[in-house]
Amino acid sequence: MTGIVDNLLADLIWSVVAVVFGYLLLRRQTRGLAQLLGTTSDRRLLIVLPDMVVREGGTAGDYRQDGFVGNVVSRREFEAAVALRESLTDPLVRLLRPRTPVLPSGRIAGSGPVEGTEFCPPAADLAATSRAPDPFAHLPSRLSGRSLVLIGGPVYNHLTGLGFRHPAAQAVPEQQGTDGEWGLRVKTGPLAGQFFAGRGSAPDTEIAIVQSFTAVAGGPRITICAGSSDSATQAGVMFLLANWRRIARKCRRHPYAFLLHVDTHSGGARLQTGIVDGQPFTL
């Protein structure tokens, strides 16, 4: 009888050790992703969603039929923001609170290194900021001093547009001619000026760009996930979450830009072109 109790006690101890070890490993991974996105002991992260507004008589899919007026966000971009926030949440908190808290405003509540989510300020509110040498140093107070993850392209997320124009950005999306191919134009390093086509000959392909840089030395980190559609944007976020360890290992604190091919059927993304500190890069 004593032997059985001893065996049960030993199994229980090893189970507790395994659970604690697994928790510590997951927490370390969570912190690694947070550090890649620019969080520190005194700097938290904001996720910034596009500023898509339905006005009286405006159009935005089914919202017009429902008579809705106000800020909206696509389901895929919202899901991308939730997935990012959950990946940065302490695993014990995820276990004890399985449902993602959503505020009455539609924003996702903060957790751990994530201070919360914000809609991008309207373009008019960023007019003066956009003319500054470093626009990210003159953001509205609710955004300033934080590292930012910008979800969505520059049409509705105006901060994404500022990010692409920033001197520290590695590359910028560009269209070849009026009806030509969309792709990535390298801005810096030995590949400066080179254009990498996006879709190429693949008919069922969209593109996404994942880009990250530090606006000023020692300052907040700006990370952009923007696609040619909301599903491509979501694929860009999921690519970042799936590959952040390899990105962190190879890029460390260097600026980088990735051009991704996104399969319109599966939603999967694969790396087409990578630029790190102006140099070609592959995962």
C-alpha atoms as a PDB file:
ATOM      1  CA  MET A   1       0.000   0.000   0.000  1.00  0.00           C
ATOM      2  CA  THR A   2       2.836   2.349   0.901  1.00  0.00           C
ATOM      3  CA  GLY A   3       4.479   1.663  -2.475  1.00  0.00           C
ATOM      4  CA  ILE A   4       1.308   2.602  -4.342  1.00  0.00           C
ATOM      5  CA  VAL A   5       1.013   5.869  -2.407  1.00  0.00           C
ATOM      6  CA  ASP A   6       4.682   6.630  -3.049  1.00  0.00           C
ATOM      7  CA  ASN A   7       4.198   6.015  -6.787  1.00  0.00           C
ATOM      8  CA  LEU A   8       1.112   8.230  -6.898  1.00  0.00           C
ATOM      9  CA  LEU A   9       2.945  10.953  -5.001  1.00  0.00           C
ATOM     10  CA  ALA A  10       5.928  10.724  -7.359  1.00  0.00           C
ATOM     11  CA  ASP A  11       3.623  10.914 -10.409  1.00  0.00           C
ATOM     12  CA  LEU A  12       1.881  13.947  -8.913  1.00  0.00           C
ATOM     13  CA  ILE A  13       5.199  15.702  -8.280  1.00  0.00           C
ATOM     14  CA  TRP A  14       6.428  15.032 -11.812  1.00  0.00           C
ATOM     15  CA  SER A  15       3.092  16.244 -13.216  1.00  0.00           C
ATOM     16  CA  VAL A  16       3.374  19.493 -11.266  1.00  0.00           C
ATOM     17  CA  VAL A  17       6.976  19.933 -12.415  1.00  0.00           C
ATOM     18  CA  ALA A  18       5.942  19.349 -16.042  1.00  0.00           C
ATOM     19  CA  VAL A  19       3.077  21.850 -15.784  1.00  0.00           C
ATOM     20  CA  VAL A  20       5.310  24.502 -14.195  1.00  0.00           C
ATOM     21  CA  PHE A  21       8.063  23.922 -16.765  1.00  0.00           C
ATOM     22  CA  GLY A  22       5.543  24.132 -19.628  1.00  0.00           C
ATOM     23  CA  TYR A  23       4.096  27.343 -18.222  1.00  0.00           C
ATOM     24  CA  LEU A  24       7.527  28.947 -17.851  1.00  0.00           C
ATOM     25  CA  LEU A  25       8.425  27.931 -21.418  1.00  0.00           C
ATOM     26  CA  LEU A  26       5.209  29.390 -22.836  1.00  0.00           C
ATOM     27  CA  ARG A  27       5.667  32.581 -20.811  1.00  0.00           C
ATOM     28  CA  ARG A  28       9.211  32.937 -22.135  1.00  0.00           C
ATOM     29  CA  GLN A  29       7.922  32.559 -25.702  1.00  0.00           C
ATOM     30  CA  THR A  30       5.250  35.184 -25.050  1.00  0.00           C
ATOM     31  CA  ARG A  31       7.892  37.593 -23.795  1.00  0.00           C
ATOM     32  CA  GLY A  32      10.088  36.860 -26.830  1.00  0.00           C
ATOM     33  CA  LEU A  33       7.302  37.885 -29.207  1.00  0.00           C
ATOM     34  CA  ALA A  34       6.600  40.985 -27.121  1.00  0.00           C
ATOM     35  CA  GLN A  35      10.265  42.000 -27.281  1.00  0.00           C
ATOM     36  CA  LEU A  36      10.338  41.516 -31.071  1.00  0.00           C
ATOM     37  CA  LEU A  37       7.390  43.925 -31.305  1.00  0.00           C
ATOM     38  CA  GLY A  38       9.230  46.524 -29.236  1.00  0.00           C
ATOM     39  CA  THR A  39       7.879  46.215 -25.702  1.00  0.00           C
ATOM     40  CA  THR A  40      10.155  46.902 -22.742  1.00  0.00           C
ATOM     41  CA  SER A  41       9.707  47.192 -18.988  1.00  0.00           C
ATOM     42  CA  ASP A  42       8.465  50.775 -19.474  1.00  0.00           C
ATOM     43  CA  ARG A  43       6.916  50.597 -22.955  1.00  0.00           C
ATOM     44  CA  ARG A  44       3.748  48.716 -23.823  1.00  0.00           C
ATOM     45  CA  LEU A  45       2.150  47.899 -27.154  1.00  0.00           C
ATOM     46  CA  LEU A  46      -0.880  49.257 -28.969  1.00  0.00           C
ATOM     47  CA  ILE A  47      -2.640  47.437 -31.786  1.00  0.00           C
ATOM     48  CA  VAL A  48      -4.022  49.974 -34.273  1.00  0.00           C
ATOM     49  CA  LEU A  49      -6.964  49.010 -36.491  1.00  0.00           C
ATOM     50  CA  PRO A  50      -8.078  50.800 -39.679  1.00  0.00           C
ATOM     51  CA  ASP A  51     -10.271  53.889 -39.403  1.00  0.00           C
ATOM     52  CA  MET A  52     -13.163  52.713 -41.572  1.00  0.00           C
ATOM     53  CA  VAL A  53     -16.214  54.860 -40.913  1.00  0.00           C
ATOM     54  CA  VAL A  54     -19.742  54.378 -42.239  1.00  0.00           C
ATOM     55  CA  ARG A  55     -21.485  57.728 -42.549  1.00  0.00           C
ATOM     56  CA  GLU A  56     -25.125  58.478 -43.225  1.00  0.00           C
ATOM     57  CA  GLY A  57     -25.860  57.190 -46.722  1.00  0.00           C
ATOM     58  CA  GLY A  58     -22.385  55.673 -46.985  1.00  0.00           C
ATOM     59  CA  THR A  59     -21.544  52.205 -48.187  1.00  0.00           C
ATOM     60  CA  ALA A  60     -19.634  49.423 -46.498  1.00  0.00           C
ATOM     61  CA  GLY A  61     -21.199  46.101 -47.455  1.00  0.00           C
ATOM     62  CA  ASP A  62     -24.130  44.985 -45.311  1.00  0.00           C
ATOM     63  CA  TYR A  63     -23.666  47.824 -42.819  1.00  0.00           C
ATOM     64  CA  ARG A  64     -25.627  50.173 -45.079  1.00  0.00           C
ATOM     65  CA  GLN A  65     -28.543  47.744 -45.210  1.00  0.00           C
ATOM     66  CA  ASP A  66     -28.574  47.612 -41.414  1.00  0.00           C
ATOM     67  CA  GLY A  67     -28.581  51.397 -41.158  1.00  0.00           C
ATOM     68  CA  PHE A  68     -25.347  51.369 -39.144  1.00  0.00           C
ATOM     69  CA  VAL A  69     -23.377  54.601 -38.799  1.00  0.00           C
ATOM     70  CA  GLY A  70     -19.969  54.720 -37.088  1.00  0.00           C
ATOM     71  CA  ASN A  71     -16.597  52.959 -36.950  1.00  0.00           C
ATOM     72  CA  VAL A  72     -16.399  49.437 -38.332  1.00  0.00           C
ATOM     73  CA  VAL A  73     -13.626  46.907 -38.734  1.00  0.00           C
ATOM     74  CA  SER A  74     -13.613  43.879 -40.996  1.00  0.00           C
ATOM     75  CA  ARG A  75     -14.051  40.518 -39.302  1.00  0.00           C
ATOM     76  CA  ARG A  76     -10.719  39.216 -40.598  1.00  0.00           C
ATOM     77  CA  GLU A  77      -8.749  42.220 -39.361  1.00  0.00           C
ATOM     78  CA  PHE A  78     -10.501  42.023 -36.001  1.00  0.00           C
ATOM     79  CA  GLU A  79      -9.669  38.312 -35.761  1.00  0.00           C
ATOM     80  CA  ALA A  80      -6.052  39.130 -36.601  1.00  0.00           C
ATOM     81  CA  ALA A  81      -5.927  41.673 -33.763  1.00  0.00           C
ATOM     82  CA  VAL A  82      -7.457  39.136 -31.343  1.00  0.00           C
ATOM     83  CA  ALA A  83      -4.962  36.442 -32.398  1.00  0.00           C
ATOM     84  CA  LEU A  84      -2.069  38.842 -31.860  1.00  0.00           C
ATOM     85  CA  ARG A  85      -3.328  39.915 -28.451  1.00  0.00           C
ATOM     86  CA  GLU A  86      -3.901  36.316 -27.350  1.00  0.00           C
ATOM     87  CA  SER A  87      -0.379  35.343 -28.448  1.00  0.00           C
ATOM     88  CA  LEU A  88       0.969  38.080 -26.176  1.00  0.00           C
ATOM     89  CA  THR A  89      -1.190  37.161 -23.179  1.00  0.00           C
ATOM     90  CA  ASP A  90       0.281  35.252 -20.259  1.00  0.00           C
ATOM     91  CA  PRO A  91      -0.651  31.553 -20.761  1.00  0.00           C
ATOM     92  CA  LEU A  92      -2.045  31.303 -17.230  1.00  0.00           C
ATOM     93  CA  VAL A  93      -4.324  34.271 -17.912  1.00  0.00           C
ATOM     94  CA  ARG A  94      -5.467  32.615 -21.163  1.00  0.00           C
ATOM     95  CA  LEU A  95      -6.325  29.473 -19.220  1.00  0.00           C
ATOM     96  CA  LEU A  96      -8.277  31.272 -16.513  1.00  0.00           C
ATOM     97  CA  ARG A  97      -9.998  33.700 -18.871  1.00  0.00           C
ATOM     98  CA  PRO A  98     -10.778  31.839 -22.112  1.00  0.00           C
ATOM     99  CA  ARG A  99     -12.914  34.618 -23.605  1.00  0.00           C
ATOM    100  CA  THR A 100     -11.355  37.754 -25.058  1.00  0.00           C
ATOM    101  CA  PRO A 101     -12.793  40.840 -23.319  1.00  0.00           C
ATOM    102  CA  VAL A 102     -14.211  43.345 -25.797  1.00  0.00           C
ATOM    103  CA  LEU A 103     -15.020  46.849 -24.573  1.00  0.00           C
ATOM    104  CA  PRO A 104     -18.363  48.547 -25.356  1.00  0.00           C
ATOM    105  CA  SER A 105     -16.530  50.731 -27.900  1.00  0.00           C
ATOM    106  CA  GLY A 106     -15.593  47.610 -29.880  1.00  0.00           C
ATOM    107  CA  ARG A 107     -11.942  47.813 -28.851  1.00  0.00           C
ATOM    108  CA  ILE A 108     -10.161  44.785 -27.429  1.00  0.00           C
ATOM    109  CA  ALA A 109      -9.156  45.144 -23.804  1.00  0.00           C
ATOM    110  CA  GLY A 110      -5.495  45.241 -22.877  1.00  0.00           C
ATOM    111  CA  SER A 111      -3.568  42.315 -21.473  1.00  0.00           C
ATOM    112  CA  GLY A 112       0.065  41.916 -20.434  1.00  0.00           C
ATOM    113  CA  PRO A 113       2.329  43.856 -22.818  1.00  0.00           C
ATOM    114  CA  VAL A 114      -0.690  44.923 -24.895  1.00  0.00           C
ATOM    115  CA  GLU A 115      -2.145  48.166 -23.588  1.00  0.00           C
ATOM    116  CA  GLY A 116      -5.169  47.820 -25.845  1.00  0.00           C
ATOM    117  CA  THR A 117      -6.430  48.507 -29.363  1.00  0.00           C
ATOM    118  CA  GLU A 118      -7.229  51.791 -31.031  1.00  0.00           C
ATOM    119  CA  PHE A 119      -8.775  52.853 -34.287  1.00  0.00           C
ATOM    120  CA  CYS A 120      -6.330  54.833 -36.394  1.00  0.00           C
ATOM    121  CA  PRO A 121      -6.916  58.591 -36.027  1.00  0.00           C
ATOM    122  CA  PRO A 122      -8.640  60.228 -39.019  1.00  0.00           C
ATOM    123  CA  ALA A 123      -6.349  61.577 -41.726  1.00  0.00           C
ATOM    124  CA  ALA A 124      -7.261  65.164 -40.773  1.00  0.00           C
ATOM    125  CA  ASP A 125      -5.940  64.602 -37.237  1.00  0.00           C
ATOM    126  CA  LEU A 126      -2.612  63.424 -38.654  1.00  0.00           C
ATOM    127  CA  ALA A 127      -2.150  66.223 -41.202  1.00  0.00           C
ATOM    128  CA  ALA A 128       0.365  68.180 -39.107  1.00  0.00           C
ATOM    129  CA  THR A 129       2.023  64.987 -37.867  1.00  0.00           C
ATOM    130  CA  SER A 130       2.605  63.719 -41.407  1.00  0.00           C
ATOM    131  CA  ARG A 131       4.690  66.790 -42.271  1.00  0.00           C
ATOM    132  CA  ALA A 132       7.111  66.296 -39.357  1.00  0.00           C
ATOM    133  CA  PRO A 133      10.556  64.752 -40.037  1.00  0.00           C
ATOM    134  CA  ASP A 134       9.573  61.886 -37.735  1.00  0.00           C
ATOM    135  CA  PRO A 135       5.761  61.701 -37.721  1.00  0.00           C
ATOM    136  CA  PHE A 136       5.759  58.974 -35.056  1.00  0.00           C
ATOM    137  CA  ALA A 137       7.347  61.401 -32.583  1.00  0.00           C
ATOM    138  CA  HIS A 138       4.294  63.698 -32.790  1.00  0.00           C
ATOM    139  CA  LEU A 139       1.356  61.316 -32.537  1.00  0.00           C
ATOM    140  CA  PRO A 140      -1.768  61.994 -30.456  1.00  0.00           C
ATOM    141  CA  SER A 141      -1.132  61.363 -26.763  1.00  0.00           C
ATOM    142  CA  ARG A 142      -3.059  58.080 -26.691  1.00  0.00           C
ATOM    143  CA  LEU A 143      -0.609  56.642 -29.246  1.00  0.00           C
ATOM    144  CA  SER A 144       2.689  58.357 -28.467  1.00  0.00           C
ATOM    145  CA  GLY A 145       5.457  56.577 -26.603  1.00  0.00           C
ATOM    146  CA  ARG A 146       4.065  53.125 -27.386  1.00  0.00           C
ATOM    147  CA  SER A 147       5.287  50.529 -29.805  1.00  0.00           C
ATOM    148  CA  LEU A 148       2.625  50.048 -32.476  1.00  0.00           C
ATOM    149  CA  VAL A 149       1.340  47.171 -34.575  1.00  0.00           C
ATOM    150  CA  LEU A 150      -0.498  48.713 -37.536  1.00  0.00           C
ATOM    151  CA  ILE A 151      -3.061  46.370 -39.079  1.00  0.00           C
ATOM    152  CA  GLY A 152      -4.371  47.133 -42.567  1.00  0.00           C
ATOM    153  CA  GLY A 153      -3.228  49.118 -45.590  1.00  0.00           C
ATOM    154  CA  PRO A 154      -2.817  52.887 -45.939  1.00  0.00           C
ATOM    155  CA  VAL A 155      -6.298  53.501 -47.412  1.00  0.00           C
ATOM    156  CA  TYR A 156      -7.987  53.163 -44.003  1.00  0.00           C
ATOM    157  CA  ASN A 157      -5.004  52.944 -41.665  1.00  0.00           C
ATOM    158  CA  HIS A 158      -3.295  56.270 -42.273  1.00  0.00           C
ATOM    159  CA  LEU A 159      -0.487  55.424 -39.851  1.00  0.00           C
ATOM    160  CA  THR A 160       0.469  52.587 -42.196  1.00  0.00           C
ATOM    161  CA  GLY A 161       0.957  55.177 -44.925  1.00  0.00           C
ATOM    162  CA  LEU A 162       3.186  57.232 -42.628  1.00  0.00           C
ATOM    163  CA  GLY A 163       5.118  54.070 -41.819  1.00  0.00           C
ATOM    164  CA  PHE A 164       5.820  53.261 -45.449  1.00  0.00           C
ATOM    165  CA  ARG A 165       7.107  56.806 -46.013  1.00  0.00           C
ATOM    166  CA  HIS A 166       9.321  56.799 -42.921  1.00  0.00           C
ATOM    167  CA  PRO A 167      13.082  56.957 -43.661  1.00  0.00           C
ATOM    168  CA  ALA A 168      13.689  53.845 -41.534  1.00  0.00           C
ATOM    169  CA  ALA A 169      11.251  51.728 -43.570  1.00  0.00           C
ATOM    170  CA  GLN A 170      13.013  49.142 -45.724  1.00  0.00           C
ATOM    171  CA  ALA A 171      10.524  49.045 -48.593  1.00  0.00           C
ATOM    172  CA  VAL A 172       7.280  50.504 -49.864  1.00  0.00           C
ATOM    173  CA  PRO A 173       4.402  48.932 -51.852  1.00  0.00           C
ATOM    174  CA  GLU A 174       4.283  50.208 -55.400  1.00  0.00           C
ATOM    175  CA  GLN A 175       2.299  49.631 -58.575  1.00  0.00           C
ATOM    176  CA  GLN A 176       4.031  49.300 -61.927  1.00  0.00           C
ATOM    177  CA  GLY A 177       2.144  51.773 -64.103  1.00  0.00           C
ATOM    178  CA  THR A 178      -1.569  52.548 -63.948  1.00  0.00           C
ATOM    179  CA  ASP A 179      -2.798  48.974 -64.327  1.00  0.00           C
ATOM    180  CA  GLY A 180       0.453  47.163 -63.628  1.00  0.00           C
ATOM    181  CA  GLU A 181       1.684  44.722 -61.055  1.00  0.00           C
ATOM    182  CA  TRP A 182       1.758  45.570 -57.357  1.00  0.00           C
ATOM    183  CA  GLY A 183       4.933  44.695 -55.522  1.00  0.00           C
ATOM    184  CA  LEU A 184       7.642  45.937 -53.192  1.00  0.00           C
ATOM    185  CA  ARG A 185      10.172  48.692 -53.959  1.00  0.00           C
ATOM    186  CA  VAL A 186      13.311  48.533 -51.794  1.00  0.00           C
ATOM    187  CA  LYS A 187      14.245  51.907 -50.275  1.00  0.00           C
ATOM    188  CA  THR A 188      17.645  51.296 -48.709  1.00  0.00           C
ATOM    189  CA  GLY A 189      20.876  49.311 -48.911  1.00  0.00           C
ATOM    190  CA  PRO A 190      22.485  47.678 -51.949  1.00  0.00           C
ATOM    191  CA  LEU A 191      19.069  46.675 -53.329  1.00  0.00           C
ATOM    192  CA  ALA A 192      17.706  50.252 -53.182  1.00  0.00           C
ATOM    193  CA  GLY A 193      15.421  50.938 -56.136  1.00  0.00           C
ATOM    194  CA  GLN A 194      14.873  47.287 -56.996  1.00  0.00           C
ATOM    195  CA  PHE A 195      11.271  46.207 -57.554  1.00  0.00           C
ATOM    196  CA  PHE A 196       9.966  42.784 -56.533  1.00  0.00           C
ATOM    197  CA  ALA A 197       6.703  41.798 -58.203  1.00  0.00           C
ATOM    198  CA  GLY A 198       3.891  40.539 -56.042  1.00  0.00           C
ATOM    199  CA  ARG A 199       1.488  38.097 -57.666  1.00  0.00           C
ATOM    200  CA  GLY A 200       3.524  37.354 -60.787  1.00  0.00           C
ATOM    201  CA  SER A 201       1.796  34.665 -62.849  1.00  0.00           C
ATOM    202  CA  ALA A 202      -0.148  33.192 -59.916  1.00  0.00           C
ATOM    203  CA  PRO A 203      -3.836  34.022 -60.537  1.00  0.00           C
ATOM    204  CA  ASP A 204      -5.177  32.950 -57.125  1.00  0.00           C
ATOM    205  CA  THR A 205      -2.693  34.952 -55.116  1.00  0.00           C
ATOM    206  CA  GLU A 206      -2.871  38.137 -53.085  1.00  0.00           C
ATOM    207  CA  ILE A 207       0.033  39.933 -51.456  1.00  0.00           C
ATOM    208  CA  ALA A 208       0.814  41.052 -47.939  1.00  0.00           C
ATOM    209  CA  ILE A 209       3.652  43.102 -46.500  1.00  0.00           C
ATOM    210  CA  VAL A 210       5.037  42.662 -43.005  1.00  0.00           C
ATOM    211  CA  GLN A 211       7.479  45.408 -42.086  1.00  0.00           C
ATOM    212  CA  SER A 212       9.089  46.546 -38.839  1.00  0.00           C
ATOM    213  CA  PHE A 213      11.485  49.300 -37.853  1.00  0.00           C
ATOM    214  CA  THR A 214      12.394  51.612 -34.991  1.00  0.00           C
ATOM    215  CA  ALA A 215      11.422  55.196 -35.756  1.00  0.00           C
ATOM    216  CA  VAL A 216      14.334  56.600 -33.715  1.00  0.00           C
ATOM    217  CA  ALA A 217      17.189  54.884 -31.900  1.00  0.00           C
ATOM    218  CA  GLY A 218      15.902  53.498 -28.632  1.00  0.00           C
ATOM    219  CA  GLY A 219      12.359  54.594 -29.472  1.00  0.00           C
ATOM    220  CA  PRO A 220       9.114  52.708 -30.072  1.00  0.00           C
ATOM    221  CA  ARG A 221       8.989  49.917 -32.637  1.00  0.00           C
ATOM    222  CA  ILE A 222       6.584  50.232 -35.571  1.00  0.00           C
ATOM    223  CA  THR A 223       5.328  46.964 -37.094  1.00  0.00           C
ATOM    224  CA  ILE A 224       3.077  46.969 -40.177  1.00  0.00           C
ATOM    225  CA  CYS A 225       0.891  44.100 -41.400  1.00  0.00           C
ATOM    226  CA  ALA A 226      -0.879  45.216 -44.576  1.00  0.00           C
ATOM    227  CA  GLY A 227      -2.384  43.185 -47.413  1.00  0.00           C
ATOM    228  CA  SER A 228      -4.130  43.715 -50.714  1.00  0.00           C
ATOM    229  CA  SER A 229      -7.350  42.632 -48.929  1.00  0.00           C
ATOM    230  CA  ASP A 230      -8.444  42.096 -45.346  1.00  0.00           C
ATOM    231  CA  SER A 231      -7.856  38.350 -45.725  1.00  0.00           C
ATOM    232  CA  ALA A 232      -4.309  39.029 -46.982  1.00  0.00           C
ATOM    233  CA  THR A 233      -3.748  41.355 -44.016  1.00  0.00           C
ATOM    234  CA  GLN A 234      -4.884  38.597 -41.660  1.00  0.00           C
ATOM    235  CA  ALA A 235      -2.526  36.161 -43.398  1.00  0.00           C
ATOM    236  CA  GLY A 236       0.325  38.623 -42.831  1.00  0.00           C
ATOM    237  CA  VAL A 237      -0.398  38.763 -39.091  1.00  0.00           C
ATOM    238  CA  MET A 238      -0.626  34.976 -38.886  1.00  0.00           C
ATOM    239  CA  PHE A 239       2.682  34.644 -40.787  1.00  0.00           C
ATOM    240  CA  LEU A 240       4.313  36.907 -38.213  1.00  0.00           C
ATOM    241  CA  LEU A 241       2.889  34.878 -35.329  1.00  0.00           C
ATOM    242  CA  ALA A 242       3.953  31.576 -36.904  1.00  0.00           C
ATOM    243  CA  ASN A 243       7.501  32.683 -37.734  1.00  0.00           C
ATOM    244  CA  TRP A 244       8.420  35.237 -35.069  1.00  0.00           C
ATOM    245  CA  ARG A 245      11.074  32.993 -33.482  1.00  0.00           C
ATOM    246  CA  ARG A 246      13.045  32.679 -36.720  1.00  0.00           C
ATOM    247  CA  ILE A 247      12.515  36.368 -37.452  1.00  0.00           C
ATOM    248  CA  ALA A 248      13.768  37.305 -33.974  1.00  0.00           C
ATOM    249  CA  ARG A 249      16.762  34.984 -34.269  1.00  0.00           C
ATOM    250  CA  LYS A 250      17.861  36.351 -37.654  1.00  0.00           C
ATOM    251  CA  CYS A 251      16.680  39.962 -37.552  1.00  0.00           C
ATOM    252  CA  ARG A 252      17.123  40.753 -33.863  1.00  0.00           C
ATOM    253  CA  ARG A 253      16.649  44.547 -33.626  1.00  0.00           C
ATOM    254  CA  HIS A 254      17.265  45.268 -37.303  1.00  0.00           C
ATOM    255  CA  PRO A 255      14.567  46.732 -39.567  1.00  0.00           C
ATOM    256  CA  TYR A 256      12.991  44.238 -41.947  1.00  0.00           C
ATOM    257  CA  ALA A 257      10.352  43.953 -44.672  1.00  0.00           C
ATOM    258  CA  PHE A 258       8.726  40.797 -46.057  1.00  0.00           C
ATOM    259  CA  LEU A 259       6.674  40.468 -49.241  1.00  0.00           C
ATOM    260  CA  LEU A 260       4.296  37.510 -48.924  1.00  0.00           C
ATOM    261  CA  HIS A 261       2.253  35.506 -51.406  1.00  0.00           C
ATOM    262  CA  VAL A 262      -1.167  34.678 -49.945  1.00  0.00           C
ATOM    263  CA  ASP A 263      -3.206  31.810 -51.379  1.00  0.00           C
ATOM    264  CA  THR A 264      -6.789  33.053 -51.790  1.00  0.00           C
ATOM    265  CA  HIS A 265      -8.209  29.564 -51.202  1.00  0.00           C
ATOM    266  CA  SER A 266      -6.275  28.353 -48.150  1.00  0.00           C
ATOM    267  CA  GLY A 267      -5.328  31.757 -46.728  1.00  0.00           C
ATOM    268  CA  GLY A 268      -1.775  30.523 -46.224  1.00  0.00           C
ATOM    269  CA  ALA A 269       1.154  32.906 -46.721  1.00  0.00           C
ATOM    270  CA  ARG A 270       4.667  32.157 -47.938  1.00  0.00           C
ATOM    271  CA  LEU A 271       7.685  34.397 -48.138  1.00  0.00           C
ATOM    272  CA  GLN A 272       8.357  35.822 -51.599  1.00  0.00           C
ATOM    273  CA  THR A 273      11.024  38.440 -50.787  1.00  0.00           C
ATOM    274  CA  GLY A 274      12.728  39.460 -47.556  1.00  0.00           C
ATOM    275  CA  ILE A 275      14.846  42.543 -46.835  1.00  0.00           C
ATOM    276  CA  VAL A 276      16.734  43.057 -43.548  1.00  0.00           C
ATOM    277  CA  ASP A 277      18.836  46.183 -43.135  1.00  0.00           C
ATOM    278  CA  GLY A 278      18.847  46.576 -46.919  1.00  0.00           C
ATOM    279  CA  GLN A 279      20.161  43.024 -47.458  1.00  0.00           C
ATOM    280  CA  PRO A 280      18.347  40.057 -49.038  1.00  0.00           C
ATOM    281  CA  PHE A 281      16.917  37.710 -46.439  1.00  0.00           C
ATOM    282  CA  THR A 282      15.218  34.331 -46.274  1.00  0.00           C
ATOM    283  CA  LEU A 283      13.724  32.444 -43.361  1.00  0.00           C
END
